[in-house]
Amino acid sequence: MAFLPLLSSCSPVSPLGLAIGAGATVANATQSEKGLKASASDLRIKAEINHNLFQKDHNLFSSVKVSVDNGRVLITGSVPTGDHRIEISKLSWKVPGVSEIINEVQVTDMASIANIAKDLIITKSLQAQLLIDQSISSINFSIDTVNGIVYIFGIARNQTEINNIINHARNINYVENIISYMTIKN
């Protein structure tokens, strides 16, 4: 243990940080509606898709966000051409365990600093509201915003939870549209 501070100073990723991150991931997975096994599978799928994107094109990787829920993949972000959008789907389908691709990547050049800042404000505001609302299990949802469009992905306990999340999103400044890919737990 005495050498951990020395190790962390040699590397940008510390062993202690990795252990804490892994522990938090396991704790989150056991608390989510889908359970540990499905969470581990989704984590593997997400990692493989991100790896494929990174290997193909670093800019492509940094332009999108990947969320996975029971083998369903939601991809959001913006790219400069339609060919990039198609390539993202092709690379995602190569990963074993993918059952559905929802490609919501926008072909646009609207990625200004102002738009990126607004999208970040929207996403963080909604995430904070979901954390505060005791009727919502925020751990089950992934939120992303691209050019004012809010994408919500995850597993809800019931329709009331879905309605509450959408109502929170509606009340945030700069939201242009809300697209829900939430499902209700069986």
C-alpha atoms as a PDB file:
ATOM      1  CA  MET A   1       0.000   0.000   0.000  1.00  0.00           C
ATOM      2  CA  ALA A   2       2.888   2.339   0.721  1.00  0.00           C
ATOM      3  CA  PHE A   3       3.898   2.213  -2.955  1.00  0.00           C
ATOM      4  CA  LEU A   4       0.452   3.108  -4.349  1.00  0.00           C
ATOM      5  CA  PRO A   5       1.123   6.880  -4.287  1.00  0.00           C
ATOM      6  CA  LEU A   6       4.360   6.287  -6.171  1.00  0.00           C
ATOM      7  CA  LEU A   7       2.623   4.141  -8.778  1.00  0.00           C
ATOM      8  CA  SER A   8      -0.099   6.701  -9.296  1.00  0.00           C
ATOM      9  CA  SER A   9       2.484   9.411  -9.932  1.00  0.00           C
ATOM     10  CA  CYS A  10       4.133   7.326 -12.680  1.00  0.00           C
ATOM     11  CA  SER A  11       0.962   6.669 -14.605  1.00  0.00           C
ATOM     12  CA  PRO A  12      -2.041   8.809 -15.557  1.00  0.00           C
ATOM     13  CA  VAL A  13      -4.305   5.962 -14.357  1.00  0.00           C
ATOM     14  CA  SER A  14      -3.686   4.850 -10.796  1.00  0.00           C
ATOM     15  CA  PRO A  15      -4.265   1.272  -9.568  1.00  0.00           C
ATOM     16  CA  LEU A  16      -6.331   2.671  -6.720  1.00  0.00           C
ATOM     17  CA  GLY A  17      -8.461   4.642  -9.192  1.00  0.00           C
ATOM     18  CA  LEU A  18      -8.989   1.529 -11.307  1.00  0.00           C
ATOM     19  CA  ALA A  19     -10.010  -0.489  -8.249  1.00  0.00           C
ATOM     20  CA  ILE A  20     -12.439   2.195  -7.097  1.00  0.00           C
ATOM     21  CA  GLY A  21     -13.866   2.540 -10.612  1.00  0.00           C
ATOM     22  CA  ALA A  22     -14.305  -1.221 -10.975  1.00  0.00           C
ATOM     23  CA  GLY A  23     -15.940  -1.427  -7.576  1.00  0.00           C
ATOM     24  CA  ALA A  24     -18.320   1.390  -8.426  1.00  0.00           C
ATOM     25  CA  THR A  25     -19.202  -0.297 -11.725  1.00  0.00           C
ATOM     26  CA  VAL A  26     -20.034  -3.579  -9.958  1.00  0.00           C
ATOM     27  CA  ALA A  27     -22.058  -1.760  -7.294  1.00  0.00           C
ATOM     28  CA  ASN A  28     -23.995   0.147  -9.957  1.00  0.00           C
ATOM     29  CA  ALA A  29     -24.611  -3.038 -11.966  1.00  0.00           C
ATOM     30  CA  THR A  30     -26.061  -4.869  -8.974  1.00  0.00           C
ATOM     31  CA  GLN A  31     -28.425  -1.959  -8.317  1.00  0.00           C
ATOM     32  CA  SER A  32     -29.670  -1.547 -11.883  1.00  0.00           C
ATOM     33  CA  GLU A  33     -32.874  -3.124 -13.153  1.00  0.00           C
ATOM     34  CA  LYS A  34     -31.039  -5.408 -15.583  1.00  0.00           C
ATOM     35  CA  GLY A  35     -28.719  -7.089 -13.054  1.00  0.00           C
ATOM     36  CA  LEU A  36     -25.033  -7.955 -12.989  1.00  0.00           C
ATOM     37  CA  LYS A  37     -24.849 -10.435 -15.899  1.00  0.00           C
ATOM     38  CA  ALA A  38     -26.676  -8.198 -18.395  1.00  0.00           C
ATOM     39  CA  SER A  39     -24.725  -5.155 -17.164  1.00  0.00           C
ATOM     40  CA  ALA A  40     -21.426  -6.971 -17.755  1.00  0.00           C
ATOM     41  CA  SER A  41     -22.514  -8.004 -21.253  1.00  0.00           C
ATOM     42  CA  ASP A  42     -23.580  -4.440 -22.067  1.00  0.00           C
ATOM     43  CA  LEU A  43     -20.286  -3.086 -20.765  1.00  0.00           C
ATOM     44  CA  ARG A  44     -18.379  -5.496 -23.025  1.00  0.00           C
ATOM     45  CA  ILE A  45     -20.486  -4.531 -26.058  1.00  0.00           C
ATOM     46  CA  LYS A  46     -19.940  -0.823 -25.383  1.00  0.00           C
ATOM     47  CA  ALA A  47     -16.188  -1.317 -24.974  1.00  0.00           C
ATOM     48  CA  GLU A  48     -15.923  -3.298 -28.216  1.00  0.00           C
ATOM     49  CA  ILE A  49     -17.931  -0.745 -30.211  1.00  0.00           C
ATOM     50  CA  ASN A  50     -15.805   2.094 -28.822  1.00  0.00           C
ATOM     51  CA  HIS A  51     -12.674   0.093 -29.666  1.00  0.00           C
ATOM     52  CA  ASN A  52     -13.879  -0.432 -33.251  1.00  0.00           C
ATOM     53  CA  LEU A  53     -14.664   3.271 -33.641  1.00  0.00           C
ATOM     54  CA  PHE A  54     -11.312   4.307 -32.183  1.00  0.00           C
ATOM     55  CA  GLN A  55      -9.405   1.898 -34.436  1.00  0.00           C
ATOM     56  CA  LYS A  56     -11.234   3.138 -37.527  1.00  0.00           C
ATOM     57  CA  ASP A  57     -10.964   6.885 -36.882  1.00  0.00           C
ATOM     58  CA  HIS A  58     -10.106   8.815 -33.706  1.00  0.00           C
ATOM     59  CA  ASN A  59     -12.364  11.682 -34.780  1.00  0.00           C
ATOM     60  CA  LEU A  60     -15.262   9.298 -35.364  1.00  0.00           C
ATOM     61  CA  PHE A  61     -14.761   7.852 -31.874  1.00  0.00           C
ATOM     62  CA  SER A  62     -14.743  11.290 -30.248  1.00  0.00           C
ATOM     63  CA  SER A  63     -17.829  12.456 -32.178  1.00  0.00           C
ATOM     64  CA  VAL A  64     -20.263   9.911 -30.763  1.00  0.00           C
ATOM     65  CA  LYS A  65     -21.577   8.505 -27.500  1.00  0.00           C
ATOM     66  CA  VAL A  66     -22.524   4.832 -27.207  1.00  0.00           C
ATOM     67  CA  SER A  67     -25.108   3.532 -24.717  1.00  0.00           C
ATOM     68  CA  VAL A  68     -26.047  -0.142 -24.402  1.00  0.00           C
ATOM     69  CA  ASP A  69     -29.083  -1.680 -22.723  1.00  0.00           C
ATOM     70  CA  ASN A  70     -29.673  -5.456 -22.943  1.00  0.00           C
ATOM     71  CA  GLY A  71     -27.887  -5.653 -26.294  1.00  0.00           C
ATOM     72  CA  ARG A  72     -29.742  -2.635 -27.702  1.00  0.00           C
ATOM     73  CA  VAL A  73     -27.272   0.061 -28.772  1.00  0.00           C
ATOM     74  CA  LEU A  74     -28.075   3.778 -28.933  1.00  0.00           C
ATOM     75  CA  ILE A  75     -25.505   5.902 -30.713  1.00  0.00           C
ATOM     76  CA  THR A  76     -25.753   9.699 -30.545  1.00  0.00           C
ATOM     77  CA  GLY A  77     -23.538  12.565 -31.638  1.00  0.00           C
ATOM     78  CA  SER A  78     -22.827  14.440 -34.830  1.00  0.00           C
ATOM     79  CA  VAL A  79     -20.569  13.757 -37.804  1.00  0.00           C
ATOM     80  CA  PRO A  80     -19.792  15.763 -40.940  1.00  0.00           C
ATOM     81  CA  THR A  81     -20.986  13.230 -43.561  1.00  0.00           C
ATOM     82  CA  GLY A  82     -23.568  10.516 -44.099  1.00  0.00           C
ATOM     83  CA  ASP A  83     -20.790   8.037 -44.868  1.00  0.00           C
ATOM     84  CA  HIS A  84     -19.484   8.484 -41.311  1.00  0.00           C
ATOM     85  CA  ARG A  85     -22.965   7.775 -39.951  1.00  0.00           C
ATOM     86  CA  ILE A  86     -23.221   4.559 -41.981  1.00  0.00           C
ATOM     87  CA  GLU A  87     -19.718   3.473 -40.946  1.00  0.00           C
ATOM     88  CA  ILE A  88     -20.679   3.812 -37.274  1.00  0.00           C
ATOM     89  CA  SER A  89     -23.566   1.367 -37.752  1.00  0.00           C
ATOM     90  CA  LYS A  90     -21.399  -1.104 -39.672  1.00  0.00           C
ATOM     91  CA  LEU A  91     -18.723  -1.096 -36.975  1.00  0.00           C
ATOM     92  CA  SER A  92     -21.337  -1.537 -34.244  1.00  0.00           C
ATOM     93  CA  TRP A  93     -22.984  -4.529 -35.926  1.00  0.00           C
ATOM     94  CA  LYS A  94     -19.620  -6.354 -35.928  1.00  0.00           C
ATOM     95  CA  VAL A  95     -19.790  -6.768 -32.140  1.00  0.00           C
ATOM     96  CA  PRO A  96     -21.265 -10.059 -30.853  1.00  0.00           C
ATOM     97  CA  GLY A  97     -24.341  -9.643 -28.657  1.00  0.00           C
ATOM     98  CA  VAL A  98     -25.736  -6.578 -30.407  1.00  0.00           C
ATOM     99  CA  SER A  99     -29.455  -7.138 -30.988  1.00  0.00           C
ATOM    100  CA  GLU A 100     -30.454  -3.683 -32.234  1.00  0.00           C
ATOM    101  CA  ILE A 101     -28.712  -0.507 -33.391  1.00  0.00           C
ATOM    102  CA  ILE A 102     -30.458   2.810 -32.886  1.00  0.00           C
ATOM    103  CA  ASN A 103     -28.335   5.252 -34.863  1.00  0.00           C
ATOM    104  CA  GLU A 104     -29.333   8.781 -33.875  1.00  0.00           C
ATOM    105  CA  VAL A 105     -26.078  10.311 -35.089  1.00  0.00           C
ATOM    106  CA  GLN A 106     -26.786  13.624 -36.795  1.00  0.00           C
ATOM    107  CA  VAL A 107     -25.064  14.706 -39.983  1.00  0.00           C
ATOM    108  CA  THR A 108     -24.391  18.359 -39.254  1.00  0.00           C
ATOM    109  CA  ASP A 109     -21.736  20.982 -38.812  1.00  0.00           C
ATOM    110  CA  MET A 110     -23.493  22.718 -35.908  1.00  0.00           C
ATOM    111  CA  ALA A 111     -20.828  21.704 -33.378  1.00  0.00           C
ATOM    112  CA  SER A 112     -20.053  25.231 -32.222  1.00  0.00           C
ATOM    113  CA  ILE A 113     -18.795  25.941 -28.713  1.00  0.00           C
ATOM    114  CA  ALA A 114     -22.154  27.545 -27.861  1.00  0.00           C
ATOM    115  CA  ASN A 115     -24.138  24.481 -29.004  1.00  0.00           C
ATOM    116  CA  ILE A 116     -21.822  22.098 -27.178  1.00  0.00           C
ATOM    117  CA  ALA A 117     -22.163  24.185 -23.991  1.00  0.00           C
ATOM    118  CA  LYS A 118     -25.977  24.255 -24.263  1.00  0.00           C
ATOM    119  CA  ASP A 119     -26.079  20.490 -24.791  1.00  0.00           C
ATOM    120  CA  LEU A 120     -23.874  19.948 -21.751  1.00  0.00           C
ATOM    121  CA  ILE A 121     -26.093  22.213 -19.628  1.00  0.00           C
ATOM    122  CA  ILE A 122     -29.191  20.291 -20.730  1.00  0.00           C
ATOM    123  CA  THR A 123     -27.649  16.870 -20.040  1.00  0.00           C
ATOM    124  CA  LYS A 124     -26.220  17.801 -16.636  1.00  0.00           C
ATOM    125  CA  SER A 125     -29.442  19.571 -15.596  1.00  0.00           C
ATOM    126  CA  LEU A 126     -31.554  16.538 -16.443  1.00  0.00           C
ATOM    127  CA  GLN A 127     -29.124  14.139 -14.751  1.00  0.00           C
ATOM    128  CA  ALA A 128     -29.235  16.279 -11.597  1.00  0.00           C
ATOM    129  CA  GLN A 129     -33.038  16.373 -11.607  1.00  0.00           C
ATOM    130  CA  LEU A 130     -33.209  12.592 -11.982  1.00  0.00           C
ATOM    131  CA  LEU A 131     -30.820  12.146  -9.050  1.00  0.00           C
ATOM    132  CA  ILE A 132     -32.928  14.397  -6.833  1.00  0.00           C
ATOM    133  CA  ASP A 133     -36.313  12.898  -7.772  1.00  0.00           C
ATOM    134  CA  GLN A 134     -36.929   9.999  -5.363  1.00  0.00           C
ATOM    135  CA  SER A 135     -39.508   8.449  -7.726  1.00  0.00           C
ATOM    136  CA  ILE A 136     -36.814   7.848 -10.381  1.00  0.00           C
ATOM    137  CA  SER A 137     -34.020   5.285 -10.273  1.00  0.00           C
ATOM    138  CA  SER A 138     -31.510   7.417 -12.198  1.00  0.00           C
ATOM    139  CA  ILE A 139     -28.940   4.611 -12.406  1.00  0.00           C
ATOM    140  CA  ASN A 140     -31.099   2.920 -15.060  1.00  0.00           C
ATOM    141  CA  PHE A 141     -30.912   5.756 -17.595  1.00  0.00           C
ATOM    142  CA  SER A 142     -28.417   7.209 -20.020  1.00  0.00           C
ATOM    143  CA  ILE A 143     -28.898  10.810 -21.132  1.00  0.00           C
ATOM    144  CA  ASP A 144     -27.276  12.510 -24.110  1.00  0.00           C
ATOM    145  CA  THR A 145     -28.052  15.788 -25.839  1.00  0.00           C
ATOM    146  CA  VAL A 146     -27.077  16.687 -29.399  1.00  0.00           C
ATOM    147  CA  ASN A 147     -28.023  20.082 -30.849  1.00  0.00           C
ATOM    148  CA  GLY A 148     -30.821  20.524 -28.308  1.00  0.00           C
ATOM    149  CA  ILE A 149     -32.301  17.059 -28.854  1.00  0.00           C
ATOM    150  CA  VAL A 150     -32.363  15.013 -25.642  1.00  0.00           C
ATOM    151  CA  TYR A 151     -31.969  11.240 -26.004  1.00  0.00           C
ATOM    152  CA  ILE A 152     -33.088   9.141 -23.038  1.00  0.00           C
ATOM    153  CA  PHE A 153     -32.211   5.440 -22.988  1.00  0.00           C
ATOM    154  CA  GLY A 154     -32.803   2.818 -20.326  1.00  0.00           C
ATOM    155  CA  ILE A 155     -35.165   0.620 -18.340  1.00  0.00           C
ATOM    156  CA  ALA A 156     -37.990   2.148 -16.307  1.00  0.00           C
ATOM    157  CA  ARG A 157     -39.875   0.441 -13.510  1.00  0.00           C
ATOM    158  CA  ASN A 158     -43.210   1.697 -14.861  1.00  0.00           C
ATOM    159  CA  GLN A 159     -44.891   4.248 -17.152  1.00  0.00           C
ATOM    160  CA  THR A 160     -45.064   6.817 -14.345  1.00  0.00           C
ATOM    161  CA  GLU A 161     -41.271   6.833 -14.108  1.00  0.00           C
ATOM    162  CA  ILE A 162     -41.022   7.429 -17.877  1.00  0.00           C
ATOM    163  CA  ASN A 163     -43.544  10.268 -17.682  1.00  0.00           C
ATOM    164  CA  ASN A 164     -41.665  11.894 -14.782  1.00  0.00           C
ATOM    165  CA  ILE A 165     -38.371  11.801 -16.686  1.00  0.00           C
ATOM    166  CA  ILE A 166     -39.921  13.315 -19.811  1.00  0.00           C
ATOM    167  CA  ASN A 167     -41.596  16.043 -17.734  1.00  0.00           C
ATOM    168  CA  HIS A 168     -38.251  16.937 -16.173  1.00  0.00           C
ATOM    169  CA  ALA A 169     -36.662  17.173 -19.638  1.00  0.00           C
ATOM    170  CA  ARG A 170     -39.477  19.381 -20.964  1.00  0.00           C
ATOM    171  CA  ASN A 171     -38.810  21.980 -18.279  1.00  0.00           C
ATOM    172  CA  ILE A 172     -35.142  22.559 -19.162  1.00  0.00           C
ATOM    173  CA  ASN A 173     -34.069  25.585 -21.193  1.00  0.00           C
ATOM    174  CA  TYR A 174     -32.734  25.052 -24.737  1.00  0.00           C
ATOM    175  CA  VAL A 175     -34.436  21.646 -25.200  1.00  0.00           C
ATOM    176  CA  GLU A 176     -35.620  21.404 -28.822  1.00  0.00           C
ATOM    177  CA  ASN A 177     -36.956  17.840 -28.738  1.00  0.00           C
ATOM    178  CA  ILE A 178     -37.006  14.739 -26.531  1.00  0.00           C
ATOM    179  CA  ILE A 179     -36.496  11.272 -27.985  1.00  0.00           C
ATOM    180  CA  SER A 180     -37.210   8.402 -25.621  1.00  0.00           C
ATOM    181  CA  TYR A 181     -35.832   4.906 -26.009  1.00  0.00           C
ATOM    182  CA  MET A 182     -36.959   3.887 -22.543  1.00  0.00           C
ATOM    183  CA  THR A 183     -38.550   0.495 -22.022  1.00  0.00           C
ATOM    184  CA  ILE A 184     -40.509  -0.815 -19.051  1.00  0.00           C
ATOM    185  CA  LYS A 185     -38.984  -3.669 -17.068  1.00  0.00           C
ATOM    186  CA  ASN A 186     -40.746  -6.992 -17.651  1.00  0.00           C
END
